[in-house]
PDB file of N, CA and C in Angstrom:
ATOM      1  N   MET A   1      42.890  -4.181  15.424  1.00  0.00           N
ATOM      2  CA  MET A   1      42.420  -5.106  15.872  1.00  0.00           C
ATOM      3  C   MET A   1      41.290  -5.672  15.741  1.00  0.00           C
ATOM      4  N   ARG A   2      41.301  -6.766  14.424  1.00  0.00           N
ATOM      5  CA  ARG A   2      40.379  -6.988  13.705  1.00  0.00           C
ATOM      6  C   ARG A   2      38.942  -8.021  14.979  1.00  0.00           C
ATOM      7  N   GLY A   3      38.207  -7.655  14.286  1.00  0.00           N
ATOM      8  CA  GLY A   3      36.898  -8.223  15.064  1.00  0.00           C
ATOM      9  C   GLY A   3      36.421  -6.780  16.239  1.00  0.00           C
ATOM     10  N   LEU A   4      37.312  -6.157  16.280  1.00  0.00           N
ATOM     11  CA  LEU A   4      36.772  -5.163  17.781  1.00  0.00           C
ATOM     12  C   LEU A   4      36.305  -4.220  16.973  1.00  0.00           C
ATOM     13  N   TRP A   5      35.778  -3.615  18.321  1.00  0.00           N
ATOM     14  CA  TRP A   5      35.111  -2.091  17.695  1.00  0.00           C
ATOM     15  C   TRP A   5      36.498  -1.039  18.256  1.00  0.00           C
ATOM     16  N   GLY A   6      36.638   0.020  17.382  1.00  0.00           N
ATOM     17  CA  GLY A   6      37.949   1.267  18.087  1.00  0.00           C
ATOM     18  C   GLY A   6      37.432   2.470  16.898  1.00  0.00           C
ATOM     19  N   GLY A   7      38.838   3.389  18.044  1.00  0.00           N
ATOM     20  CA  GLY A   7      38.161   4.663  17.446  1.00  0.00           C
ATOM     21  C   GLY A   7      38.995   4.399  15.839  1.00  0.00           C
ATOM     22  N   ILE A   8      38.970   5.592  15.616  1.00  0.00           N
ATOM     23  CA  ILE A   8      39.689   5.862  14.107  1.00  0.00           C
ATOM     24  C   ILE A   8      41.120   5.841  15.053  1.00  0.00           C
ATOM     25  N   SER A   9      42.271   5.485  14.170  1.00  0.00           N
ATOM     26  CA  SER A   9      43.626   5.424  14.680  1.00  0.00           C
ATOM     27  C   SER A   9      44.496   5.567  13.398  1.00  0.00           C
ATOM     28  N   GLY A  10      45.894   5.469  13.903  1.00  0.00           N
ATOM     29  CA  GLY A  10      46.777   5.689  13.240  1.00  0.00           C
ATOM     30  C   GLY A  10      48.390   5.937  14.129  1.00  0.00           C
ATOM     31  N   LYS A  11      49.507   5.359  13.818  1.00  0.00           N
ATOM     32  CA  LYS A  11      50.905   5.684  14.074  1.00  0.00           C
ATOM     33  C   LYS A  11      51.199   6.876  13.655  1.00  0.00           C
ATOM     34  N   ILE A  12      51.717   7.598  14.861  1.00  0.00           N
ATOM     35  CA  ILE A  12      52.658   8.965  14.841  1.00  0.00           C
ATOM     36  C   ILE A  12      53.753   8.946  14.526  1.00  0.00           C
ATOM     37  N   GLU A  13      54.313   9.409  13.405  1.00  0.00           N
ATOM     38  CA  GLU A  13      55.667   9.334  12.960  1.00  0.00           C
ATOM     39  C   GLU A  13      56.379  10.054  13.726  1.00  0.00           C
ATOM     40  N   ASP A  14      57.771  10.121  13.746  1.00  0.00           N
ATOM     41  CA  ASP A  14      58.590  10.598  14.605  1.00  0.00           C
ATOM     42  C   ASP A  14      58.679  12.434  14.451  1.00  0.00           C
ATOM     43  N   GLY A  15      58.269  13.158  15.520  1.00  0.00           N
ATOM     44  CA  GLY A  15      58.352  14.490  15.315  1.00  0.00           C
ATOM     45  C   GLY A  15      57.121  14.590  14.488  1.00  0.00           C
ATOM     46  N   GLU A  16      56.030  14.315  14.488  1.00  0.00           N
ATOM     47  CA  GLU A  16      54.821  14.845  13.769  1.00  0.00           C
ATOM     48  C   GLU A  16      53.827  14.663  15.160  1.00  0.00           C
ATOM     49  N   ASP A  17      53.107  16.264  14.192  1.00  0.00           N
ATOM     50  CA  ASP A  17      52.035  16.404  15.616  1.00  0.00           C
ATOM     51  C   ASP A  17      51.111  15.555  15.525  1.00  0.00           C
ATOM     52  N   PRO A  18      50.509  15.162  16.926  1.00  0.00           N
ATOM     53  CA  PRO A  18      49.399  14.043  16.652  1.00  0.00           C
ATOM     54  C   PRO A  18      47.895  14.490  16.592  1.00  0.00           C
ATOM     55  N   LEU A  19      47.824  15.903  16.722  1.00  0.00           N
ATOM     56  CA  LEU A  19      46.504  16.247  16.104  1.00  0.00           C
ATOM     57  C   LEU A  19      46.596  16.170  14.290  1.00  0.00           C
ATOM     58  N   TYR A  20      47.388  16.935  14.094  1.00  0.00           N
ATOM     59  CA  TYR A  20      47.509  16.607  12.494  1.00  0.00           C
ATOM     60  C   TYR A  20      47.518  15.295  12.214  1.00  0.00           C
ATOM     61  N   ARG A  21      47.936  14.202  12.918  1.00  0.00           N
ATOM     62  CA  ARG A  21      47.871  12.835  12.484  1.00  0.00           C
ATOM     63  C   ARG A  21      46.518  12.304  12.755  1.00  0.00           C
ATOM     64  N   ALA A  22      45.558  12.771  13.702  1.00  0.00           N
ATOM     65  CA  ALA A  22      44.472  12.687  13.535  1.00  0.00           C
ATOM     66  C   ALA A  22      43.093  13.245  12.799  1.00  0.00           C
ATOM     67  N   VAL A  23      43.052  14.250  12.315  1.00  0.00           N
ATOM     68  CA  VAL A  23      42.810  14.839  11.214  1.00  0.00           C
ATOM     69  C   VAL A  23      43.173  13.897   9.931  1.00  0.00           C
ATOM     70  N   THR A  24      44.185  13.903   9.672  1.00  0.00           N
ATOM     71  CA  THR A  24      44.286  13.165   8.556  1.00  0.00           C
ATOM     72  C   THR A  24      43.878  11.863   8.795  1.00  0.00           C
ATOM     73  N   GLU A  25      43.911  11.127   9.855  1.00  0.00           N
ATOM     74  CA  GLU A  25      43.609   9.481   9.548  1.00  0.00           C
ATOM     75  C   GLU A  25      42.104   9.589   9.427  1.00  0.00           C
ATOM     76  N   VAL A  26      41.318  10.444  10.109  1.00  0.00           N
ATOM     77  CA  VAL A  26      39.754  10.796  10.248  1.00  0.00           C
ATOM     78  C   VAL A  26      39.121  11.317   8.697  1.00  0.00           C
ATOM     79  N   TYR A  27      40.013  11.811   8.010  1.00  0.00           N
ATOM     80  CA  TYR A  27      39.904  11.936   6.682  1.00  0.00           C
ATOM     81  C   TYR A  27      39.989  10.677   5.340  1.00  0.00           C
ATOM     82  N   GLU A  28      40.947  10.231   6.190  1.00  0.00           N
ATOM     83  CA  GLU A  28      41.744   9.064   5.401  1.00  0.00           C
ATOM     84  C   GLU A  28      40.291   7.846   5.888  1.00  0.00           C
ATOM     85  N   GLU A  29      40.316   7.368   7.040  1.00  0.00           N
ATOM     86  CA  GLU A  29      39.030   6.462   6.865  1.00  0.00           C
ATOM     87  C   GLU A  29      37.677   6.467   7.027  1.00  0.00           C
ATOM     88  N   ALA A  30      37.674   8.004   7.154  1.00  0.00           N
ATOM     89  CA  ALA A  30      36.052   8.202   7.370  1.00  0.00           C
ATOM     90  C   ALA A  30      35.446   9.217   6.239  1.00  0.00           C
ATOM     91  N   GLY A  31      36.234   9.409   5.872  1.00  0.00           N
ATOM     92  CA  GLY A  31      35.876  10.632   4.611  1.00  0.00           C
ATOM     93  C   GLY A  31      35.850  12.058   4.906  1.00  0.00           C
ATOM     94  N   ILE A  32      35.881  12.540   6.281  1.00  0.00           N
ATOM     95  CA  ILE A  32      35.091  13.287   7.018  1.00  0.00           C
ATOM     96  C   ILE A  32      36.229  14.833   6.783  1.00  0.00           C
ATOM     97  N   GLY A  33      36.059  16.114   6.361  1.00  0.00           N
ATOM     98  CA  GLY A  33      37.348  16.184   6.383  1.00  0.00           C
ATOM     99  C   GLY A  33      36.970  17.933   6.982  1.00  0.00           C
ATOM    100  N   ASP A  34      35.593  18.120   7.086  1.00  0.00           N
ATOM    101  CA  ASP A  34      35.596  19.543   7.754  1.00  0.00           C
ATOM    102  C   ASP A  34      35.194  19.142   9.528  1.00  0.00           C
ATOM    103  N   MET A  35      35.535  19.054  10.365  1.00  0.00           N
ATOM    104  CA  MET A  35      35.668  18.876  11.549  1.00  0.00           C
ATOM    105  C   MET A  35      36.019  20.120  12.430  1.00  0.00           C
ATOM    106  N   ILE A  36      35.896  20.104  14.035  1.00  0.00           N
ATOM    107  CA  ILE A  36      35.973  20.902  14.596  1.00  0.00           C
ATOM    108  C   ILE A  36      36.585  20.546  16.114  1.00  0.00           C
ATOM    109  N   LEU A  37      37.427  20.344  16.364  1.00  0.00           N
ATOM    110  CA  LEU A  37      38.131  20.101  17.691  1.00  0.00           C
ATOM    111  C   LEU A  37      37.624  20.264  19.064  1.00  0.00           C
ATOM    112  N   LEU A  38      36.571  19.773  19.934  1.00  0.00           N
ATOM    113  CA  LEU A  38      36.142  19.825  20.776  1.00  0.00           C
ATOM    114  C   LEU A  38      37.007  19.774  22.061  1.00  0.00           C
ATOM    115  N   LYS A  39      37.589  18.535  22.097  1.00  0.00           N
ATOM    116  CA  LYS A  39      38.335  18.028  23.082  1.00  0.00           C
ATOM    117  C   LYS A  39      39.545  17.324  22.770  1.00  0.00           C
ATOM    118  N   SER A  40      40.990  17.596  23.687  1.00  0.00           N
ATOM    119  CA  SER A  40      41.786  16.753  23.431  1.00  0.00           C
ATOM    120  C   SER A  40      42.632  15.646  25.116  1.00  0.00           C
ATOM    121  N   ALA A  41      43.444  15.236  24.976  1.00  0.00           N
ATOM    122  CA  ALA A  41      43.894  14.642  25.916  1.00  0.00           C
ATOM    123  C   ALA A  41      45.076  14.151  25.617  1.00  0.00           C
ATOM    124  N   GLY A  42      46.281  14.661  26.530  1.00  0.00           N
ATOM    125  CA  GLY A  42      47.497  13.830  26.060  1.00  0.00           C
ATOM    126  C   GLY A  42      47.773  12.831  25.840  1.00  0.00           C
ATOM    127  N   GLY A  43      49.085  11.983  25.732  1.00  0.00           N
ATOM    128  CA  GLY A  43      48.968  10.728  25.631  1.00  0.00           C
ATOM    129  C   GLY A  43      48.901   9.940  26.652  1.00  0.00           C
ATOM    130  N   VAL A  44      47.975   8.958  26.906  1.00  0.00           N
ATOM    131  CA  VAL A  44      47.209   8.072  27.506  1.00  0.00           C
ATOM    132  C   VAL A  44      47.994   6.948  27.431  1.00  0.00           C
ATOM    133  N   PRO A  45      48.909   6.030  28.264  1.00  0.00           N
ATOM    134  CA  PRO A  45      48.931   4.774  28.214  1.00  0.00           C
ATOM    135  C   PRO A  45      48.302   3.854  28.440  1.00  0.00           C
ATOM    136  N   ILE A  46      48.024   2.682  27.319  1.00  0.00           N
ATOM    137  CA  ILE A  46      47.068   1.465  27.295  1.00  0.00           C
ATOM    138  C   ILE A  46      47.745   0.127  27.190  1.00  0.00           C
ATOM    139  N   GLU A  47      47.245  -0.481  27.949  1.00  0.00           N
ATOM    140  CA  GLU A  47      47.944  -1.739  27.899  1.00  0.00           C
ATOM    141  C   GLU A  47      46.505  -2.563  27.353  1.00  0.00           C
ATOM    142  N   GLY A  48      46.783  -3.941  26.516  1.00  0.00           N
ATOM    143  CA  GLY A  48      46.309  -5.011  26.805  1.00  0.00           C
ATOM    144  C   GLY A  48      46.507  -5.599  25.217  1.00  0.00           C
ATOM    145  N   GLU A  49      46.611  -6.849  25.105  1.00  0.00           N
ATOM    146  CA  GLU A  49      47.142  -7.662  23.819  1.00  0.00           C
ATOM    147  C   GLU A  49      48.022  -7.968  24.494  1.00  0.00           C
ATOM    148  N   GLY A  50      48.758  -7.823  25.440  1.00  0.00           N
ATOM    149  CA  GLY A  50      50.233  -8.102  25.436  1.00  0.00           C
ATOM    150  C   GLY A  50      51.184  -7.083  24.913  1.00  0.00           C
ATOM    151  N   LYS A  51      50.355  -5.979  24.753  1.00  0.00           N
ATOM    152  CA  LYS A  51      51.085  -4.620  23.785  1.00  0.00           C
ATOM    153  C   LYS A  51      50.914  -3.168  24.985  1.00  0.00           C
ATOM    154  N   LYS A  52      51.596  -2.198  24.155  1.00  0.00           N
ATOM    155  CA  LYS A  52      51.244  -1.151  25.108  1.00  0.00           C
ATOM    156  C   LYS A  52      51.458   0.094  24.222  1.00  0.00           C
ATOM    157  N   TRP A  53      50.420   0.712  23.998  1.00  0.00           N
ATOM    158  CA  TRP A  53      50.606   2.078  23.521  1.00  0.00           C
ATOM    159  C   TRP A  53      50.659   3.542  23.667  1.00  0.00           C
ATOM    160  N   LEU A  54      50.687   4.226  23.396  1.00  0.00           N
ATOM    161  CA  LEU A  54      50.385   5.713  24.049  1.00  0.00           C
ATOM    162  C   LEU A  54      49.802   6.830  23.396  1.00  0.00           C
ATOM    163  N   VAL A  55      48.301   6.659  23.734  1.00  0.00           N
ATOM    164  CA  VAL A  55      47.195   6.927  22.427  1.00  0.00           C
ATOM    165  C   VAL A  55      46.901   8.565  22.920  1.00  0.00           C
ATOM    166  N   HIS A  56      46.806   9.488  21.485  1.00  0.00           N
ATOM    167  CA  HIS A  56      46.469  10.774  21.890  1.00  0.00           C
ATOM    168  C   HIS A  56      44.907  11.026  21.652  1.00  0.00           C
ATOM    169  N   PRO A  57      44.018  10.517  22.416  1.00  0.00           N
ATOM    170  CA  PRO A  57      42.847  10.896  22.073  1.00  0.00           C
ATOM    171  C   PRO A  57      42.031  12.157  21.743  1.00  0.00           C
ATOM    172  N   PHE A  58      41.022  12.092  20.956  1.00  0.00           N
ATOM    173  CA  PHE A  58      40.996  13.800  20.473  1.00  0.00           C
ATOM    174  C   PHE A  58      39.471  13.345  20.227  1.00  0.00           C
ATOM    175  N   LEU A  59      38.545  14.733  20.191  1.00  0.00           N
ATOM    176  CA  LEU A  59      37.185  14.359  20.351  1.00  0.00           C
ATOM    177  C   LEU A  59      36.866  15.615  19.181  1.00  0.00           C
ATOM    178  N   PHE A  60      36.635  15.427  18.182  1.00  0.00           N
ATOM    179  CA  PHE A  60      35.720  16.177  17.216  1.00  0.00           C
ATOM    180  C   PHE A  60      34.419  16.416  16.971  1.00  0.00           C
ATOM    181  N   GLY A  61      34.076  17.847  16.311  1.00  0.00           N
ATOM    182  CA  GLY A  61      32.403  17.831  16.383  1.00  0.00           C
ATOM    183  C   GLY A  61      32.222  17.907  14.681  1.00  0.00           C
ATOM    184  N   VAL A  62      30.854  17.342  13.740  1.00  0.00           N
ATOM    185  CA  VAL A  62      30.980  17.663  13.048  1.00  0.00           C
ATOM    186  C   VAL A  62      29.625  17.997  12.491  1.00  0.00           C
ATOM    187  N   ASP A  63      29.254  19.116  11.443  1.00  0.00           N
ATOM    188  CA  ASP A  63      27.948  19.158  11.071  1.00  0.00           C
ATOM    189  C   ASP A  63      27.596  18.025  10.203  1.00  0.00           C
ATOM    190  N   ASP A  64      28.092  17.469   9.125  1.00  0.00           N
ATOM    191  CA  ASP A  64      27.728  16.745   8.357  1.00  0.00           C
ATOM    192  C   ASP A  64      28.278  15.309   8.497  1.00  0.00           C
ATOM    193  N   ASP A  65      27.650  14.313   9.210  1.00  0.00           N
ATOM    194  CA  ASP A  65      28.025  13.181   9.988  1.00  0.00           C
ATOM    195  C   ASP A  65      27.853  11.948   8.692  1.00  0.00           C
ATOM    196  N   THR A  66      28.352  12.260   7.228  1.00  0.00           N
ATOM    197  CA  THR A  66      28.143  10.948   6.327  1.00  0.00           C
ATOM    198  C   THR A  66      29.538  11.184   6.305  1.00  0.00           C
ATOM    199  N   VAL A  67      29.719   9.294   6.384  1.00  0.00           N
ATOM    200  CA  VAL A  67      31.152   8.515   6.452  1.00  0.00           C
ATOM    201  C   VAL A  67      31.431   8.215   4.597  1.00  0.00           C
ATOM    202  N   ARG A  68      32.343   7.898   4.657  1.00  0.00           N
ATOM    203  CA  ARG A  68      32.829   6.993   3.550  1.00  0.00           C
ATOM    204  C   ARG A  68      34.022   5.952   3.748  1.00  0.00           C
ATOM    205  N   LEU A  69      34.109   4.812   4.174  1.00  0.00           N
ATOM    206  CA  LEU A  69      35.009   4.511   4.818  1.00  0.00           C
ATOM    207  C   LEU A  69      35.891   3.403   3.709  1.00  0.00           C
ATOM    208  N   ASN A  70      37.183   3.585   4.291  1.00  0.00           N
ATOM    209  CA  ASN A  70      37.897   3.088   3.567  1.00  0.00           C
ATOM    210  C   ASN A  70      38.068   1.565   3.724  1.00  0.00           C
ATOM    211  N   TRP A  71      39.010   1.327   3.324  1.00  0.00           N
ATOM    212  CA  TRP A  71      39.629  -0.470   3.168  1.00  0.00           C
ATOM    213  C   TRP A  71      39.947  -0.629   4.476  1.00  0.00           C
ATOM    214  N   GLU A  72      40.568  -0.013   5.389  1.00  0.00           N
ATOM    215  CA  GLU A  72      40.521  -0.367   6.521  1.00  0.00           C
ATOM    216  C   GLU A  72      39.655  -0.725   7.821  1.00  0.00           C
ATOM    217  N   ASN A  73      37.992  -0.370   7.115  1.00  0.00           N
ATOM    218  CA  ASN A  73      37.307  -0.616   7.857  1.00  0.00           C
ATOM    219  C   ASN A  73      36.180  -1.606   7.353  1.00  0.00           C
ATOM    220  N   ASP A  74      35.079  -2.157   8.026  1.00  0.00           N
ATOM    221  CA  ASP A  74      34.083  -2.940   7.863  1.00  0.00           C
ATOM    222  C   ASP A  74      33.062  -2.448   7.750  1.00  0.00           C
ATOM    223  N   GLU A  75      32.607  -1.386   8.904  1.00  0.00           N
ATOM    224  CA  GLU A  75      31.689  -0.764   9.338  1.00  0.00           C
ATOM    225  C   GLU A  75      31.443  -0.104  10.097  1.00  0.00           C
ATOM    226  N   TYR A  76      30.797   1.066  10.614  1.00  0.00           N
ATOM    227  CA  TYR A  76      30.941   2.147  11.517  1.00  0.00           C
ATOM    228  C   TYR A  76      29.813   1.720  12.250  1.00  0.00           C
ATOM    229  N   LYS A  77      29.786   3.047  13.660  1.00  0.00           N
ATOM    230  CA  LYS A  77      28.277   3.145  13.850  1.00  0.00           C
ATOM    231  C   LYS A  77      28.774   4.554  14.981  1.00  0.00           C
ATOM    232  N   TRP A  78      27.602   5.727  15.036  1.00  0.00           N
ATOM    233  CA  TRP A  78      28.471   6.863  15.715  1.00  0.00           C
ATOM    234  C   TRP A  78      27.107   6.243  17.225  1.00  0.00           C
ATOM    235  N   VAL A  79      28.361   6.467  17.981  1.00  0.00           N
ATOM    236  CA  VAL A  79      27.640   5.969  19.249  1.00  0.00           C
ATOM    237  C   VAL A  79      27.961   7.362  20.763  1.00  0.00           C
ATOM    238  N   GLY A  80      27.638   7.113  21.630  1.00  0.00           N
ATOM    239  CA  GLY A  80      27.773   7.770  22.594  1.00  0.00           C
ATOM    240  C   GLY A  80      28.988   7.121  23.545  1.00  0.00           C
ATOM    241  N   PRO A  81      28.947   8.026  24.713  1.00  0.00           N
ATOM    242  CA  PRO A  81      30.508   6.914  25.678  1.00  0.00           C
ATOM    243  C   PRO A  81      29.376   6.230  26.399  1.00  0.00           C
ATOM    244  N   ASP A  82      28.712   5.590  26.110  1.00  0.00           N
ATOM    245  CA  ASP A  82      28.330   3.977  26.779  1.00  0.00           C
ATOM    246  C   ASP A  82      28.623   3.133  25.872  1.00  0.00           C
ATOM    247  N   LEU A  83      29.830   2.222  25.994  1.00  0.00           N
ATOM    248  CA  LEU A  83      30.022   0.946  24.869  1.00  0.00           C
ATOM    249  C   LEU A  83      30.244  -0.037  25.241  1.00  0.00           C
ATOM    250  N   SER A  84      28.938  -0.456  26.196  1.00  0.00           N
ATOM    251  CA  SER A  84      28.641  -1.688  26.879  1.00  0.00           C
ATOM    252  C   SER A  84      28.148  -2.508  25.884  1.00  0.00           C
ATOM    253  N   GLY A  85      28.024  -3.783  25.342  1.00  0.00           N
ATOM    254  CA  GLY A  85      27.719  -4.228  24.843  1.00  0.00           C
ATOM    255  C   GLY A  85      28.541  -4.329  23.403  1.00  0.00           C
ATOM    256  N   LEU A  86      29.565  -3.504  23.280  1.00  0.00           N
ATOM    257  CA  LEU A  86      30.560  -3.510  22.271  1.00  0.00           C
ATOM    258  C   LEU A  86      32.072  -4.131  22.565  1.00  0.00           C
ATOM    259  N   ALA A  87      32.480  -5.138  21.797  1.00  0.00           N
ATOM    260  CA  ALA A  87      33.475  -5.740  21.995  1.00  0.00           C
ATOM    261  C   ALA A  87      34.474  -4.698  21.582  1.00  0.00           C
ATOM    262  N   THR A  88      34.957  -4.155  22.181  1.00  0.00           N
ATOM    263  CA  THR A  88      35.855  -2.736  21.749  1.00  0.00           C
ATOM    264  C   THR A  88      37.438  -3.050  21.924  1.00  0.00           C
ATOM    265  N   VAL A  89      38.763  -2.756  21.464  1.00  0.00           N
ATOM    266  CA  VAL A  89      39.988  -2.582  21.619  1.00  0.00           C
ATOM    267  C   VAL A  89      40.082  -1.689  22.996  1.00  0.00           C
ATOM    268  N   PRO A  90      41.209  -2.674  23.585  1.00  0.00           N
ATOM    269  CA  PRO A  90      41.781  -2.470  24.748  1.00  0.00           C
ATOM    270  C   PRO A  90      41.574  -0.321  25.109  1.00  0.00           C
ATOM    271  N   GLY A  91      41.146  -0.221  26.447  1.00  0.00           N
ATOM    272  CA  GLY A  91      40.866   1.308  27.299  1.00  0.00           C
ATOM    273  C   GLY A  91      39.542   2.185  26.114  1.00  0.00           C
ATOM    274  N   LEU A  92      39.200   1.460  25.346  1.00  0.00           N
ATOM    275  CA  LEU A  92      38.435   2.349  23.944  1.00  0.00           C
ATOM    276  C   LEU A  92      37.679   3.063  25.166  1.00  0.00           C
ATOM    277  N   GLN A  93      36.448   2.475  26.053  1.00  0.00           N
ATOM    278  CA  GLN A  93      35.551   3.055  27.018  1.00  0.00           C
ATOM    279  C   GLN A  93      36.252   4.229  27.343  1.00  0.00           C
ATOM    280  N   GLY A  94      37.386   4.000  28.310  1.00  0.00           N
ATOM    281  CA  GLY A  94      38.075   4.814  29.762  1.00  0.00           C
ATOM    282  C   GLY A  94      38.568   6.233  28.888  1.00  0.00           C
ATOM    283  N   LEU A  95      38.840   5.990  27.133  1.00  0.00           N
ATOM    284  CA  LEU A  95      39.365   7.270  26.826  1.00  0.00           C
ATOM    285  C   LEU A  95      38.503   8.107  26.655  1.00  0.00           C
ATOM    286  N   LEU A  96      37.017   7.032  25.528  1.00  0.00           N
ATOM    287  CA  LEU A  96      36.112   8.083  25.686  1.00  0.00           C
ATOM    288  C   LEU A  96      35.416   8.797  26.814  1.00  0.00           C
ATOM    289  N   LEU A  97      34.996   7.993  27.903  1.00  0.00           N
ATOM    290  CA  LEU A  97      34.352   9.039  29.077  1.00  0.00           C
ATOM    291  C   LEU A  97      35.685   9.521  29.484  1.00  0.00           C
ATOM    292  N   GLY A  98      36.836   9.918  29.368  1.00  0.00           N
ATOM    293  CA  GLY A  98      37.829  10.833  29.413  1.00  0.00           C
ATOM    294  C   GLY A  98      37.494  12.307  28.906  1.00  0.00           C
ATOM    295  N   LEU A  99      36.966  11.578  27.678  1.00  0.00           N
ATOM    296  CA  LEU A  99      36.828  13.105  26.630  1.00  0.00           C
ATOM    297  C   LEU A  99      35.638  13.631  27.029  1.00  0.00           C
ATOM    298  N   VAL A 100      34.517  12.788  27.395  1.00  0.00           N
ATOM    299  CA  VAL A 100      33.085  13.395  27.384  1.00  0.00           C
ATOM    300  C   VAL A 100      32.689  13.414  28.708  1.00  0.00           C
ATOM    301  N   GLY A 101      33.446  12.409  30.024  1.00  0.00           N
ATOM    302  CA  GLY A 101      33.104  12.791  31.146  1.00  0.00           C
ATOM    303  C   GLY A 101      33.046  13.710  31.838  1.00  0.00           C
TER     304      GLY A 101
END
């Protein structure tokens, strides 16, 4: 969703493991390959902008927070659980609080 802040995301193909897709997307979109899974949540339904998604949120830890964005992103920001003041994709604040809350 252009113009809105969002987490790294991607489409899960038929039969694909959500964790595999998440790790792949983090590497492709941010250039981060060395991470550790801290927490995850099962499929969470999100609605907004007249659409419905089933989101599989993951929280990763990294030792090196160097980011190399790919063509899909304009900028990045490391944030905490409070996203107030940022225009975000639907449901992002709730998903983040669910992982770190």
